[in-house]
Each structure stands twice: as structure tokens, then as C-alpha cells.
């Protein structure tokens, strides 16, 4: 039995951190334009691997989004009907 070589993996490309690019140190729930970048079209919070944030920034963004939803500045996730 001969060993079949595995295909070469794609080189890992680091995502650019959007908060660092915008020069934001603390995430504020009143900054709706910034928070909309981290919400999908259905209103769900995007994952860290999609946004490229650090764990601390992701937590700040998620708390800010939840506060903005409470204040009716952002939508809650849409229900999917089949």
C-alpha cells in the first residue's frame, strides 16, 4: 500500500482587525454604525473568526450590541420561517 500525499494547506491569512483600523479602543453601544459591521443581515452577531477581533474585543462588541438592542438601536435576530 503506497502512502498518498495530502494536498498542501492554504497559507493562513490573518484577518485585519476592524477596531484597530477605525482607531477604537473602547466599544460604545451608541456607535451604531460601527456595531452594524459585526451583525449579519439576519441580525445575528458575527463570530470572531469572521470579524477578526480579539477575544476581549469580541466580548465588548457583543455586550455593546446587546445593549443597543435593548435601547432599540439595533434589531434582534430575525426568525427564519420554513
Protein backbone atom coordinates (compact mmCIF):
# COMPACT_ATOMS: atom_id res chain seq x y z
CA UNK A 1 0.00 0.00 0.00
CA UNK A 2 1.52 3.33 -1.02
CA UNK A 3 1.07 6.49 1.00
CA UNK A 4 -0.96 9.16 -0.77
CA UNK A 5 0.43 12.66 -0.09
CA UNK A 6 -2.02 15.14 1.41
CA UNK A 7 -2.74 18.30 -0.58
CA UNK A 8 -0.87 21.35 0.64
CA UNK A 9 -2.88 23.51 3.03
CA UNK A 10 -3.64 27.09 2.09
CA UNK A 11 -1.37 29.58 3.80
CA UNK A 12 -3.13 31.18 6.79
CA UNK A 13 -4.00 34.80 6.15
CA UNK A 14 -4.68 36.88 9.25
CA UNK A 15 -7.86 38.98 9.14
CA UNK A 16 -7.44 42.70 9.62
CA UNK A 17 -8.84 43.93 12.91
CA UNK A 18 -11.60 46.46 12.08
CA UNK A 19 -11.48 48.11 15.52
CA UNK A 20 -7.77 48.83 15.24
CA UNK A 21 -8.28 50.15 11.71
CA UNK A 22 -11.00 52.51 12.97
CA UNK A 23 -8.85 53.59 15.93
CA UNK A 24 -11.40 52.43 18.52
CA UNK A 25 -10.09 51.49 21.98
CA UNK A 26 -13.42 51.06 23.80
CA UNK A 27 -16.62 49.90 22.09
CA UNK A 28 -19.67 52.05 22.84
CA UNK A 29 -23.25 50.83 22.41
CA UNK A 30 -24.25 54.22 20.99
CA UNK A 31 -21.92 53.83 17.98
CA UNK A 32 -24.47 52.04 15.81
CA UNK A 33 -22.56 52.48 12.53
CA UNK A 34 -19.59 50.58 13.95
CA UNK A 35 -21.72 47.86 15.54
CA UNK A 36 -23.60 47.17 12.29
CA UNK A 37 -20.34 45.83 10.81
CA UNK A 38 -20.46 42.99 13.34
CA UNK A 39 -24.08 41.95 12.69
CA UNK A 40 -25.26 39.71 9.86
CA UNK A 41 -28.16 40.63 7.58
CA UNK A 42 -30.42 38.49 9.78
CA UNK A 43 -29.36 40.37 12.90
CA UNK A 44 -27.01 37.77 14.38
CA UNK A 45 -23.69 38.68 15.96
CA UNK A 46 -20.83 37.54 13.71
CA UNK A 47 -18.24 35.13 15.11
CA UNK A 48 -14.65 36.07 15.99
CA UNK A 49 -13.24 34.01 13.15
CA UNK A 50 -15.35 36.05 10.74
CA UNK A 51 -14.71 39.51 12.22
CA UNK A 52 -11.03 39.09 13.14
CA UNK A 53 -11.42 40.56 16.63
CA UNK A 54 -9.52 39.57 19.77
CA UNK A 55 -11.49 37.72 22.48
CA UNK A 56 -11.70 40.84 24.66
CA UNK A 57 -12.90 42.99 21.74
CA UNK A 58 -15.45 40.35 20.71
CA UNK A 59 -16.89 40.37 24.24
CA UNK A 60 -17.06 44.19 24.23
CA UNK A 61 -18.78 44.17 20.83
CA UNK A 62 -21.32 41.53 21.86
CA UNK A 63 -22.21 43.37 25.09
CA UNK A 64 -22.49 46.67 23.18
CA UNK A 65 -24.76 45.06 20.56
CA UNK A 66 -26.98 43.59 23.26
CA UNK A 67 -27.23 46.98 24.99
CA UNK A 68 -28.03 48.69 21.68
CA UNK A 69 -30.75 46.12 21.03
CA UNK A 70 -32.27 46.87 24.45
CA UNK A 71 -32.32 50.56 23.54
CA UNK A 72 -33.96 49.73 20.17
CA UNK A 73 -30.99 51.00 18.14
CA UNK A 74 -30.27 47.59 16.55
CA UNK A 75 -32.57 44.74 15.51
CA UNK A 76 -32.86 41.43 17.26
CA UNK A 77 -32.17 38.30 15.15
CA UNK A 78 -34.87 37.61 12.58
CA UNK A 79 -36.84 34.40 12.90
CA UNK A 80 -36.49 32.06 9.95
CA UNK A 81 -39.77 30.57 8.76
CA UNK A 82 -39.87 27.45 6.60
